[in-house]
Amino acid sequence: MLWGGLWKNVIVPMVVSPVVGFLLGALFMVLVMWLFRRGHPGKLNRGFRGAQTLSAVAMSIGHGMQDAAKTMGIIALALYIGGYQDSPAHIPQWVFYTSATVLALGTYAGGWRVIRTMGRKIIDLGPAEGFAAETVASSVLYFNSLVLGAPISTTHTITSAIMGVGATKKLSAVRWGVAGNIVTAWVLTFPGSAVLAVVTYLIVRPLF
């Protein structure tokens, strides 16, 4: 029962969401190019810069709905297991504020290198491409949060959407070497986190 729920609610959405992000990113970018095929490039860039402000806001909210929510869930579980609260579903107000603050500080402190990789090293991301990728990624994040209740990775989703958007230009527009390194990091993250969790448990458990 436990493994069935884990597979259905966590592993499958986690694996499928990057694929969906890639395909929807490509389809949405094709639609954008077709709708604005007769537009003036300068005016379109200015328009998409404004639209990208909205898509970036949507993306940031989706980021909070997923990554901050996962952090809060783990903290709430730790409080429950530690006997500090009676309900595993209750989330104290301070957990909301602390998670949001730490997430923002982490993004500010170390996120710039990740942002540069996604915005420049995978493809040369212009306003139209950025708008398309953010719109698709935020839609996938919202659907998984509000409809499926499934935890997925914001980074996986937006990165795959960027790859899909870039592939509509031509396949060589995507720097597949960089993309391959990112996917390799994704794959290694799961067993690496599991091993570190086991080692940490074995060290900490005797102390308590």
N, C-alpha and C. Protein backbone atom coordinates (compact mmCIF):
# COMPACT_ATOMS: atom_id res chain seq x y z
N MET A 1 0.83 -1.21 0.00
CA MET A 1 0.00 0.00 0.00
C MET A 1 0.86 1.26 0.00
N LEU A 2 1.89 1.24 0.87
CA LEU A 2 2.80 2.39 0.95
C LEU A 2 3.53 2.60 -0.36
N TRP A 3 4.09 1.50 -0.92
CA TRP A 3 4.84 1.63 -2.17
C TRP A 3 3.93 1.98 -3.33
N GLY A 4 2.68 1.47 -3.30
CA GLY A 4 1.73 1.81 -4.36
C GLY A 4 1.41 3.29 -4.37
N GLY A 5 1.18 3.86 -3.18
CA GLY A 5 0.91 5.29 -3.09
C GLY A 5 2.12 6.13 -3.46
N LEU A 6 3.31 5.66 -3.03
CA LEU A 6 4.54 6.38 -3.38
C LEU A 6 4.76 6.39 -4.88
N TRP A 7 4.54 5.26 -5.51
CA TRP A 7 4.73 5.15 -6.95
C TRP A 7 3.74 6.06 -7.70
N LYS A 8 2.48 5.98 -7.31
CA LYS A 8 1.42 6.71 -8.02
C LYS A 8 1.47 8.21 -7.76
N ASN A 9 1.71 8.61 -6.53
CA ASN A 9 1.58 10.02 -6.15
C ASN A 9 2.88 10.80 -6.19
N VAL A 10 4.03 10.09 -6.21
CA VAL A 10 5.31 10.80 -6.16
C VAL A 10 6.18 10.47 -7.36
N ILE A 11 6.49 9.18 -7.55
CA ILE A 11 7.48 8.81 -8.56
C ILE A 11 6.97 9.06 -9.97
N VAL A 12 5.74 8.61 -10.28
CA VAL A 12 5.21 8.80 -11.63
C VAL A 12 5.10 10.28 -12.00
N PRO A 13 4.47 11.14 -11.18
CA PRO A 13 4.44 12.57 -11.52
C PRO A 13 5.83 13.18 -11.67
N MET A 14 6.78 12.75 -10.82
CA MET A 14 8.13 13.30 -10.87
C MET A 14 8.82 12.98 -12.19
N VAL A 15 8.58 11.76 -12.71
CA VAL A 15 9.21 11.34 -13.96
C VAL A 15 8.48 11.90 -15.17
N VAL A 16 7.15 11.94 -15.10
CA VAL A 16 6.34 12.34 -16.24
C VAL A 16 6.36 13.85 -16.46
N SER A 17 6.43 14.63 -15.38
CA SER A 17 6.31 16.08 -15.49
C SER A 17 7.37 16.72 -16.40
N PRO A 18 8.65 16.30 -16.38
CA PRO A 18 9.60 16.89 -17.33
C PRO A 18 9.27 16.56 -18.78
N VAL A 19 8.76 15.36 -19.03
CA VAL A 19 8.38 14.98 -20.40
C VAL A 19 7.21 15.85 -20.86
N VAL A 20 6.22 16.02 -19.98
CA VAL A 20 5.07 16.86 -20.31
C VAL A 20 5.52 18.30 -20.52
N GLY A 21 6.43 18.79 -19.67
CA GLY A 21 6.94 20.15 -19.83
C GLY A 21 7.63 20.35 -21.16
N PHE A 22 8.42 19.37 -21.58
CA PHE A 22 9.12 19.46 -22.87
C PHE A 22 8.13 19.51 -24.02
N LEU A 23 7.16 18.59 -24.04
CA LEU A 23 6.21 18.51 -25.15
C LEU A 23 5.30 19.74 -25.19
N LEU A 24 4.79 20.16 -24.03
CA LEU A 24 3.92 21.34 -24.01
C LEU A 24 4.69 22.60 -24.34
N GLY A 25 5.96 22.67 -23.91
CA GLY A 25 6.79 23.82 -24.26
C GLY A 25 6.96 23.96 -25.76
N ALA A 26 7.22 22.84 -26.42
CA ALA A 26 7.38 22.86 -27.87
C ALA A 26 6.07 23.24 -28.56
N LEU A 27 4.96 22.63 -28.14
CA LEU A 27 3.67 22.91 -28.76
C LEU A 27 3.24 24.37 -28.54
N PHE A 28 3.43 24.87 -27.33
CA PHE A 28 3.02 26.24 -27.04
C PHE A 28 3.87 27.24 -27.80
N MET A 29 5.17 26.96 -27.94
CA MET A 29 6.04 27.87 -28.68
C MET A 29 5.67 27.89 -30.16
N VAL A 30 5.32 26.74 -30.72
CA VAL A 30 4.86 26.68 -32.11
C VAL A 30 3.60 27.53 -32.27
N LEU A 31 2.68 27.43 -31.30
CA LEU A 31 1.44 28.22 -31.35
C LEU A 31 1.75 29.72 -31.28
N VAL A 32 2.66 30.11 -30.40
CA VAL A 32 3.03 31.52 -30.27
C VAL A 32 3.64 32.04 -31.57
N MET A 33 4.54 31.26 -32.16
CA MET A 33 5.17 31.69 -33.41
C MET A 33 4.15 31.81 -34.53
N TRP A 34 3.18 30.91 -34.56
CA TRP A 34 2.16 30.97 -35.62
C TRP A 34 1.24 32.16 -35.43
N LEU A 35 0.82 32.44 -34.19
CA LEU A 35 -0.09 33.54 -33.93
C LEU A 35 0.53 34.89 -34.23
N PHE A 36 1.85 35.01 -33.98
CA PHE A 36 2.52 36.30 -34.14
C PHE A 36 3.50 36.29 -35.31
N ARG A 37 3.25 35.44 -36.29
CA ARG A 37 4.19 35.29 -37.41
C ARG A 37 4.31 36.55 -38.25
N ARG A 38 3.30 37.40 -38.26
CA ARG A 38 3.36 38.62 -39.08
C ARG A 38 3.69 39.86 -38.25
N GLY A 39 4.00 39.67 -37.00
CA GLY A 39 4.29 40.81 -36.13
C GLY A 39 5.67 41.39 -36.34
N HIS A 40 5.85 42.64 -35.95
CA HIS A 40 7.15 43.30 -36.04
C HIS A 40 8.03 42.82 -34.89
N PRO A 41 9.25 42.34 -35.16
CA PRO A 41 10.10 41.76 -34.09
C PRO A 41 10.32 42.69 -32.90
N GLY A 42 10.57 43.96 -33.18
CA GLY A 42 10.83 44.90 -32.08
C GLY A 42 9.62 45.06 -31.18
N LYS A 43 8.45 45.24 -31.78
CA LYS A 43 7.23 45.40 -30.99
C LYS A 43 6.88 44.12 -30.24
N LEU A 44 7.10 43.00 -30.90
CA LEU A 44 6.81 41.71 -30.25
C LEU A 44 7.70 41.50 -29.03
N ASN A 45 8.98 41.83 -29.16
CA ASN A 45 9.89 41.67 -28.03
C ASN A 45 9.47 42.53 -26.84
N ARG A 46 9.05 43.78 -27.12
CA ARG A 46 8.59 44.65 -26.04
C ARG A 46 7.32 44.09 -25.40
N GLY A 47 6.42 43.60 -26.23
CA GLY A 47 5.18 43.02 -25.70
C GLY A 47 5.43 41.78 -24.86
N PHE A 48 6.33 40.92 -25.34
CA PHE A 48 6.61 39.70 -24.59
C PHE A 48 7.40 39.97 -23.32
N ARG A 49 8.17 41.07 -23.30
CA ARG A 49 8.85 41.43 -22.05
C ARG A 49 7.82 41.75 -20.97
N GLY A 50 6.78 42.49 -21.37
CA GLY A 50 5.70 42.78 -20.42
C GLY A 50 4.95 41.53 -20.02
N ALA A 51 4.65 40.68 -21.00
CA ALA A 51 3.93 39.44 -20.70
C ALA A 51 4.76 38.52 -19.83
N GLN A 52 6.09 38.57 -20.01
CA GLN A 52 6.96 37.70 -19.22
C GLN A 52 6.96 38.09 -17.75
N THR A 53 6.66 39.36 -17.46
CA THR A 53 6.54 39.76 -16.06
C THR A 53 5.42 38.97 -15.39
N LEU A 54 4.29 38.83 -16.09
CA LEU A 54 3.16 38.07 -15.56
C LEU A 54 3.48 36.58 -15.47
N SER A 55 4.13 36.05 -16.50
CA SER A 55 4.45 34.62 -16.48
C SER A 55 5.48 34.31 -15.40
N ALA A 56 6.38 35.27 -15.13
CA ALA A 56 7.36 35.07 -14.06
C ALA A 56 6.69 35.07 -12.70
N VAL A 57 5.69 35.93 -12.52
CA VAL A 57 4.92 35.94 -11.27
C VAL A 57 4.20 34.60 -11.09
N ALA A 58 3.58 34.12 -12.17
CA ALA A 58 2.90 32.83 -12.11
C ALA A 58 3.88 31.71 -11.77
N MET A 59 5.08 31.80 -12.34
CA MET A 59 6.11 30.79 -12.09
C MET A 59 6.56 30.83 -10.63
N SER A 60 6.71 32.01 -10.07
CA SER A 60 7.15 32.13 -8.68
C SER A 60 6.10 31.58 -7.72
N ILE A 61 4.81 31.80 -8.04
CA ILE A 61 3.75 31.24 -7.20
C ILE A 61 3.75 29.72 -7.29
N GLY A 62 3.92 29.19 -8.51
CA GLY A 62 4.01 27.75 -8.68
C GLY A 62 5.20 27.16 -7.93
N HIS A 63 6.31 27.90 -7.91
CA HIS A 63 7.50 27.48 -7.18
C HIS A 63 7.19 27.33 -5.70
N GLY A 64 6.46 28.31 -5.16
CA GLY A 64 6.07 28.23 -3.75
C GLY A 64 5.09 27.11 -3.48
N MET A 65 4.14 26.91 -4.41
CA MET A 65 3.14 25.85 -4.24
C MET A 65 3.78 24.47 -4.23
N GLN A 66 4.91 24.32 -4.90
CA GLN A 66 5.56 23.02 -4.96
C GLN A 66 6.75 22.92 -3.99
N ASP A 67 7.80 23.66 -4.24
CA ASP A 67 9.03 23.48 -3.46
C ASP A 67 8.87 23.92 -2.01
N ALA A 68 8.20 25.06 -1.78
CA ALA A 68 7.98 25.50 -0.40
C ALA A 68 7.02 24.55 0.32
N ALA A 69 6.02 24.06 -0.41
CA ALA A 69 5.05 23.14 0.20
C ALA A 69 5.72 21.84 0.62
N LYS A 70 6.64 21.33 -0.21
CA LYS A 70 7.34 20.10 0.16
C LYS A 70 8.18 20.33 1.43
N THR A 71 8.82 21.47 1.52
CA THR A 71 9.61 21.80 2.71
C THR A 71 8.73 21.87 3.95
N MET A 72 7.59 22.54 3.82
CA MET A 72 6.67 22.65 4.96
C MET A 72 6.13 21.29 5.38
N GLY A 73 5.86 20.43 4.40
CA GLY A 73 5.36 19.10 4.73
C GLY A 73 6.36 18.30 5.55
N ILE A 74 7.64 18.40 5.20
CA ILE A 74 8.68 17.68 5.94
C ILE A 74 8.82 18.23 7.36
N ILE A 75 8.75 19.56 7.49
CA ILE A 75 8.85 20.17 8.83
C ILE A 75 7.66 19.76 9.68
N ALA A 76 6.45 19.78 9.10
CA ALA A 76 5.26 19.37 9.84
C ALA A 76 5.36 17.91 10.29
N LEU A 77 5.88 17.06 9.41
CA LEU A 77 6.06 15.65 9.76
C LEU A 77 7.06 15.50 10.90
N ALA A 78 8.15 16.26 10.86
CA ALA A 78 9.16 16.20 11.93
C ALA A 78 8.57 16.67 13.26
N LEU A 79 7.75 17.71 13.22
CA LEU A 79 7.12 18.20 14.45
C LEU A 79 6.17 17.16 15.03
N TYR A 80 5.45 16.47 14.14
CA TYR A 80 4.50 15.44 14.60
C TYR A 80 5.24 14.24 15.18
N ILE A 81 6.25 13.75 14.46
CA ILE A 81 7.00 12.59 14.94
C ILE A 81 7.73 12.93 16.24
N GLY A 82 8.21 14.15 16.37
CA GLY A 82 8.92 14.57 17.58
C GLY A 82 8.01 14.84 18.76
N GLY A 83 6.70 14.77 18.55
CA GLY A 83 5.75 14.98 19.64
C GLY A 83 5.45 16.44 19.94
N TYR A 84 5.80 17.34 19.01
CA TYR A 84 5.56 18.76 19.25
C TYR A 84 4.17 19.21 18.82
N GLN A 85 3.46 18.37 18.09
CA GLN A 85 2.08 18.66 17.73
C GLN A 85 1.33 17.35 17.55
N ASP A 86 0.00 17.40 17.66
CA ASP A 86 -0.82 16.19 17.65
C ASP A 86 -1.25 15.75 16.26
N SER A 87 -1.26 16.69 15.31
CA SER A 87 -1.73 16.36 13.97
C SER A 87 -0.60 16.42 12.95
N PRO A 88 -0.48 15.39 12.07
CA PRO A 88 0.55 15.45 11.03
C PRO A 88 0.21 16.42 9.92
N ALA A 89 -1.06 16.86 9.86
CA ALA A 89 -1.50 17.76 8.80
C ALA A 89 -1.46 19.23 9.20
N HIS A 90 -1.29 19.50 10.49
CA HIS A 90 -1.27 20.89 10.94
C HIS A 90 0.07 21.54 10.63
N ILE A 91 0.01 22.75 10.05
CA ILE A 91 1.23 23.49 9.73
C ILE A 91 1.18 24.82 10.48
N PRO A 92 2.02 25.02 11.49
CA PRO A 92 2.04 26.29 12.23
C PRO A 92 2.40 27.46 11.32
N GLN A 93 1.94 28.63 11.70
CA GLN A 93 2.19 29.83 10.89
C GLN A 93 3.67 30.09 10.72
N TRP A 94 4.47 29.85 11.76
CA TRP A 94 5.90 30.14 11.66
C TRP A 94 6.58 29.27 10.62
N VAL A 95 6.02 28.08 10.35
CA VAL A 95 6.59 27.20 9.33
C VAL A 95 6.39 27.81 7.94
N PHE A 96 5.22 28.41 7.70
CA PHE A 96 4.97 29.08 6.42
C PHE A 96 6.01 30.18 6.18
N TYR A 97 6.17 31.05 7.17
CA TYR A 97 7.05 32.20 7.00
C TYR A 97 8.52 31.78 6.92
N THR A 98 8.90 30.80 7.74
CA THR A 98 10.28 30.35 7.73
C THR A 98 10.64 29.68 6.40
N SER A 99 9.75 28.82 5.91
CA SER A 99 10.01 28.12 4.65
C SER A 99 10.12 29.10 3.49
N ALA A 100 9.19 30.06 3.44
CA ALA A 100 9.21 31.06 2.36
C ALA A 100 10.48 31.90 2.43
N THR A 101 10.88 32.30 3.64
CA THR A 101 12.07 33.14 3.80
C THR A 101 13.33 32.39 3.39
N VAL A 102 13.47 31.16 3.87
CA VAL A 102 14.66 30.37 3.56
C VAL A 102 14.73 30.06 2.07
N LEU A 103 13.58 29.75 1.45
CA LEU A 103 13.55 29.48 0.02
C LEU A 103 14.00 30.71 -0.77
N ALA A 104 13.51 31.88 -0.37
CA ALA A 104 13.89 33.12 -1.06
C ALA A 104 15.38 33.42 -0.86
N LEU A 105 15.87 33.24 0.36
CA LEU A 105 17.29 33.50 0.63
C LEU A 105 18.19 32.52 -0.12
N GLY A 106 17.77 31.27 -0.20
CA GLY A 106 18.55 30.28 -0.94
C GLY A 106 18.62 30.60 -2.42
N THR A 107 17.48 31.05 -2.98
CA THR A 107 17.46 31.43 -4.39
C THR A 107 18.36 32.64 -4.63
N TYR A 108 18.30 33.60 -3.69
CA TYR A 108 19.12 34.80 -3.84
C TYR A 108 20.61 34.50 -3.70
N ALA A 109 20.94 33.61 -2.75
CA ALA A 109 22.34 33.34 -2.46
C ALA A 109 23.00 32.47 -3.52
N GLY A 110 22.32 31.41 -3.94
CA GLY A 110 22.98 30.47 -4.84
C GLY A 110 22.24 30.21 -6.14
N GLY A 111 21.14 30.90 -6.32
CA GLY A 111 20.31 30.62 -7.48
C GLY A 111 20.75 31.28 -8.77
N TRP A 112 21.64 32.28 -8.69
CA TRP A 112 22.01 33.03 -9.88
C TRP A 112 22.73 32.16 -10.91
N ARG A 113 23.54 31.23 -10.44
CA ARG A 113 24.25 30.35 -11.37
C ARG A 113 23.26 29.43 -12.08
N VAL A 114 22.26 28.95 -11.34
CA VAL A 114 21.23 28.11 -11.95
C VAL A 114 20.42 28.92 -12.96
N ILE A 115 20.09 30.16 -12.59
CA ILE A 115 19.32 31.03 -13.48
C ILE A 115 20.09 31.30 -14.77
N ARG A 116 21.38 31.57 -14.66
CA ARG A 116 22.20 31.81 -15.85
C ARG A 116 22.27 30.57 -16.73
N THR A 117 22.37 29.40 -16.11
CA THR A 117 22.41 28.16 -16.90
C THR A 117 21.12 27.98 -17.68
N MET A 118 19.99 28.19 -17.02
CA MET A 118 18.70 27.98 -17.69
C MET A 118 18.42 29.07 -18.73
N GLY A 119 18.84 30.29 -18.44
CA GLY A 119 18.51 31.39 -19.34
C GLY A 119 19.47 31.60 -20.48
N ARG A 120 20.71 31.05 -20.37
CA ARG A 120 21.72 31.32 -21.39
C ARG A 120 22.42 30.08 -21.92
N LYS A 121 22.63 29.08 -21.08
CA LYS A 121 23.47 27.96 -21.48
C LYS A 121 22.71 26.83 -22.15
N ILE A 122 21.40 26.68 -21.85
CA ILE A 122 20.63 25.64 -22.54
C ILE A 122 20.24 26.12 -23.92
N ILE A 123 19.60 27.28 -23.98
CA ILE A 123 19.33 27.98 -25.24
C ILE A 123 19.50 29.47 -24.97
N ASP A 124 19.57 30.26 -26.02
CA ASP A 124 19.56 31.72 -25.87
C ASP A 124 18.10 32.15 -25.70
N LEU A 125 17.71 32.38 -24.46
CA LEU A 125 16.30 32.60 -24.14
C LEU A 125 15.92 34.05 -24.35
N GLY A 126 15.05 34.32 -25.33
CA GLY A 126 14.53 35.65 -25.57
C GLY A 126 13.21 35.84 -24.84
N PRO A 127 12.61 37.04 -24.95
CA PRO A 127 11.35 37.31 -24.24
C PRO A 127 10.23 36.33 -24.62
N ALA A 128 10.07 36.04 -25.91
CA ALA A 128 9.00 35.14 -26.33
C ALA A 128 9.23 33.73 -25.81
N GLU A 129 10.48 33.26 -25.92
CA GLU A 129 10.80 31.91 -25.41
C GLU A 129 10.63 31.83 -23.89
N GLY A 130 11.06 32.89 -23.19
CA GLY A 130 10.91 32.92 -21.74
C GLY A 130 9.45 32.90 -21.32
N PHE A 131 8.62 33.69 -22.02
CA PHE A 131 7.19 33.71 -21.73
C PHE A 131 6.57 32.34 -21.95
N ALA A 132 6.90 31.71 -23.06
CA ALA A 132 6.33 30.39 -23.37
C ALA A 132 6.75 29.35 -22.34
N ALA A 133 8.04 29.32 -22.00
CA ALA A 133 8.54 28.32 -21.05
C ALA A 133 7.92 28.53 -19.67
N GLU A 134 7.86 29.77 -19.21
CA GLU A 134 7.31 30.04 -17.88
C GLU A 134 5.81 29.75 -17.82
N THR A 135 5.10 30.08 -18.89
CA THR A 135 3.66 29.81 -18.92
C THR A 135 3.38 28.31 -18.85
N VAL A 136 4.11 27.54 -19.63
CA VAL A 136 3.93 26.09 -19.62
C VAL A 136 4.32 25.50 -18.28
N ALA A 137 5.48 25.88 -17.77
CA ALA A 137 5.96 25.31 -16.51
C ALA A 137 5.01 25.64 -15.36
N SER A 138 4.56 26.88 -15.28
CA SER A 138 3.65 27.25 -14.19
C SER A 138 2.32 26.50 -14.31
N SER A 139 1.85 26.27 -15.55
CA SER A 139 0.61 25.51 -15.74
C SER A 139 0.76 24.08 -15.25
N VAL A 140 1.89 23.46 -15.55
CA VAL A 140 2.15 22.09 -15.09
C VAL A 140 2.24 22.06 -13.56
N LEU A 141 2.90 23.05 -12.97
CA LEU A 141 3.02 23.12 -11.52
C LEU A 141 1.65 23.28 -10.86
N TYR A 142 0.82 24.17 -11.41
CA TYR A 142 -0.51 24.40 -10.85
C TYR A 142 -1.37 23.14 -10.94
N PHE A 143 -1.34 22.49 -12.10
CA PHE A 143 -2.16 21.30 -12.29
C PHE A 143 -1.78 20.21 -11.29
N ASN A 144 -0.49 20.00 -11.11
CA ASN A 144 -0.05 18.96 -10.18
C ASN A 144 -0.37 19.33 -8.74
N SER A 145 -0.31 20.61 -8.40
CA SER A 145 -0.60 21.04 -7.03
C SER A 145 -2.10 21.03 -6.73
N LEU A 146 -2.88 21.65 -7.60
CA LEU A 146 -4.29 21.89 -7.32
C LEU A 146 -5.19 20.73 -7.70
N VAL A 147 -4.83 19.99 -8.74
CA VAL A 147 -5.68 18.90 -9.22
C VAL A 147 -5.20 17.55 -8.71
N LEU A 148 -3.93 17.24 -8.92
CA LEU A 148 -3.40 15.93 -8.56
C LEU A 148 -2.87 15.87 -7.13
N GLY A 149 -2.49 17.02 -6.58
CA GLY A 149 -1.86 17.02 -5.27
C GLY A 149 -0.53 16.29 -5.28
N ALA A 150 0.16 16.34 -6.41
CA ALA A 150 1.41 15.58 -6.58
C ALA A 150 2.61 16.51 -6.46
N PRO A 151 3.62 16.12 -5.67
CA PRO A 151 4.85 16.92 -5.57
C PRO A 151 5.77 16.68 -6.76
N ILE A 152 6.10 17.75 -7.48
CA ILE A 152 7.04 17.65 -8.59
C ILE A 152 8.11 18.72 -8.42
N SER A 153 9.16 18.62 -9.22
CA SER A 153 10.26 19.56 -9.12
C SER A 153 10.03 20.77 -10.02
N THR A 154 10.10 21.95 -9.43
CA THR A 154 10.00 23.18 -10.22
C THR A 154 11.14 23.27 -11.23
N THR A 155 12.35 22.94 -10.78
CA THR A 155 13.52 23.03 -11.66
C THR A 155 13.41 22.07 -12.83
N HIS A 156 13.01 20.84 -12.57
CA HIS A 156 12.85 19.86 -13.65
C HIS A 156 11.84 20.35 -14.68
N THR A 157 10.73 20.90 -14.18
CA THR A 157 9.64 21.32 -15.07
C THR A 157 10.04 22.49 -15.95
N ILE A 158 10.62 23.55 -15.36
CA ILE A 158 10.97 24.72 -16.15
C ILE A 158 12.13 24.41 -17.09
N THR A 159 13.07 23.58 -16.66
CA THR A 159 14.21 23.23 -17.53
C THR A 159 13.74 22.46 -18.75
N SER A 160 12.86 21.49 -18.55
CA SER A 160 12.36 20.70 -19.68
C SER A 160 11.51 21.57 -20.60
N ALA A 161 10.75 22.52 -20.03
CA ALA A 161 9.96 23.43 -20.87
C ALA A 161 10.88 24.30 -21.72
N ILE A 162 11.99 24.76 -21.14
CA ILE A 162 12.97 25.55 -21.90
C ILE A 162 13.55 24.73 -23.04
N MET A 163 13.88 23.46 -22.77
CA MET A 163 14.39 22.58 -23.83
C MET A 163 13.37 22.42 -24.94
N GLY A 164 12.10 22.23 -24.57
CA GLY A 164 11.05 22.08 -25.58
C GLY A 164 10.88 23.32 -26.42
N VAL A 165 10.91 24.49 -25.77
CA VAL A 165 10.81 25.76 -26.50
C VAL A 165 11.99 25.92 -27.45
N GLY A 166 13.19 25.60 -26.99
CA GLY A 166 14.38 25.76 -27.83
C GLY A 166 14.38 24.81 -29.01
N ALA A 167 13.82 23.62 -28.82
CA ALA A 167 13.82 22.63 -29.90
C ALA A 167 12.94 23.04 -31.07
N THR A 168 12.04 24.01 -30.87
CA THR A 168 11.18 24.46 -31.97
C THR A 168 11.96 25.28 -32.99
N LYS A 169 13.06 25.90 -32.57
CA LYS A 169 13.89 26.64 -33.52
C LYS A 169 14.56 25.64 -34.45
N LYS A 170 15.38 24.84 -33.86
CA LYS A 170 16.02 23.71 -34.51
C LYS A 170 16.69 22.92 -33.40
N LEU A 171 16.86 21.64 -33.60
CA LEU A 171 17.39 20.80 -32.54
C LEU A 171 18.77 21.25 -32.08
N SER A 172 19.56 21.80 -33.01
CA SER A 172 20.90 22.24 -32.64
C SER A 172 20.88 23.51 -31.81
N ALA A 173 19.70 24.18 -31.71
CA ALA A 173 19.61 25.38 -30.88
C ALA A 173 19.72 25.04 -29.40
N VAL A 174 19.35 23.81 -29.06
CA VAL A 174 19.49 23.36 -27.67
C VAL A 174 20.90 22.80 -27.48
N ARG A 175 21.58 23.27 -26.47
CA ARG A 175 22.91 22.75 -26.17
C ARG A 175 22.74 21.45 -25.38
N TRP A 176 22.69 20.36 -26.13
CA TRP A 176 22.32 19.08 -25.55
C TRP A 176 23.37 18.56 -24.58
N GLY A 177 24.62 19.03 -24.70
CA GLY A 177 25.65 18.66 -23.73
C GLY A 177 25.31 19.19 -22.35
N VAL A 178 24.90 20.47 -22.31
CA VAL A 178 24.48 21.07 -21.03
C VAL A 178 23.23 20.38 -20.52
N ALA A 179 22.27 20.13 -21.44
CA ALA A 179 21.04 19.45 -21.05
C ALA A 179 21.33 18.06 -20.49
N GLY A 180 22.27 17.35 -21.10
CA GLY A 180 22.64 16.02 -20.62
C GLY A 180 23.23 16.07 -19.23
N ASN A 181 24.07 17.08 -18.96
CA ASN A 181 24.64 17.23 -17.61
C ASN A 181 23.55 17.48 -16.58
N ILE A 182 22.54 18.26 -16.97
CA ILE A 182 21.43 18.55 -16.05
C ILE A 182 20.64 17.28 -15.75
N VAL A 183 20.33 16.52 -16.79
CA VAL A 183 19.58 15.28 -16.59
C VAL A 183 20.38 14.28 -15.74
N THR A 184 21.68 14.21 -15.97
CA THR A 184 22.53 13.34 -15.15
C THR A 184 22.47 13.75 -13.68
N ALA A 185 22.48 15.06 -13.43
CA ALA A 185 22.38 15.55 -12.05
C ALA A 185 21.03 15.17 -11.45
N TRP A 186 19.96 15.25 -12.27
CA TRP A 186 18.64 14.83 -11.79
C TRP A 186 18.68 13.37 -11.32
N VAL A 187 19.23 12.52 -12.17
CA VAL A 187 19.24 11.08 -11.87
C VAL A 187 20.07 10.79 -10.62
N LEU A 188 21.21 11.45 -10.49
CA LEU A 188 22.10 11.18 -9.36
C LEU A 188 21.57 11.76 -8.05
N THR A 189 20.71 12.76 -8.15
CA THR A 189 20.18 13.39 -6.95
C THR A 189 19.41 12.41 -6.07
N PHE A 190 18.63 11.53 -6.70
CA PHE A 190 17.76 10.63 -5.92
C PHE A 190 18.55 9.62 -5.09
N PRO A 191 19.43 8.82 -5.70
CA PRO A 191 20.20 7.89 -4.86
C PRO A 191 21.15 8.61 -3.92
N GLY A 192 21.70 9.75 -4.36
CA GLY A 192 22.60 10.51 -3.50
C GLY A 192 21.89 11.00 -2.24
N SER A 193 20.68 11.52 -2.41
CA SER A 193 19.91 11.99 -1.25
C SER A 193 19.56 10.83 -0.33
N ALA A 194 19.20 9.69 -0.92
CA ALA A 194 18.85 8.52 -0.11
C ALA A 194 20.04 8.05 0.72
N VAL A 195 21.21 8.00 0.11
CA VAL A 195 22.41 7.55 0.83
C VAL A 195 22.75 8.52 1.96
N LEU A 196 22.69 9.82 1.68
CA LEU A 196 22.98 10.81 2.72
C LEU A 196 21.98 10.73 3.87
N ALA A 197 20.70 10.47 3.53
CA ALA A 197 19.67 10.35 4.56
C ALA A 197 19.95 9.16 5.47
N VAL A 198 20.34 8.03 4.86
CA VAL A 198 20.66 6.83 5.66
C VAL A 198 21.86 7.08 6.56
N VAL A 199 22.92 7.68 6.00
CA VAL A 199 24.12 7.95 6.79
C VAL A 199 23.82 8.90 7.94
N THR A 200 23.06 9.95 7.65
CA THR A 200 22.69 10.92 8.69
C THR A 200 21.87 10.25 9.79
N TYR A 201 20.95 9.38 9.40
CA TYR A 201 20.12 8.67 10.38
C TYR A 201 20.99 7.79 11.28
N LEU A 202 21.91 7.07 10.67
CA LEU A 202 22.77 6.18 11.45
C LEU A 202 23.66 6.94 12.43
N ILE A 203 24.03 8.17 12.06
CA ILE A 203 24.87 8.99 12.95
C ILE A 203 24.04 9.61 14.08
N VAL A 204 22.87 10.12 13.71
CA VAL A 204 22.05 10.87 14.66
C VAL A 204 21.26 9.96 15.60
N ARG A 205 20.78 8.81 15.09
CA ARG A 205 19.89 7.94 15.88
C ARG A 205 20.48 7.54 17.24
N PRO A 206 21.74 7.13 17.35
CA PRO A 206 22.27 6.75 18.66
C PRO A 206 22.30 7.89 19.67
N LEU A 207 22.32 9.14 19.17
CA LEU A 207 22.38 10.28 20.08
C LEU A 207 21.06 10.53 20.79
N PHE A 208 19.97 9.97 20.23
CA PHE A 208 18.65 10.20 20.82
C PHE A 208 17.99 8.89 21.24
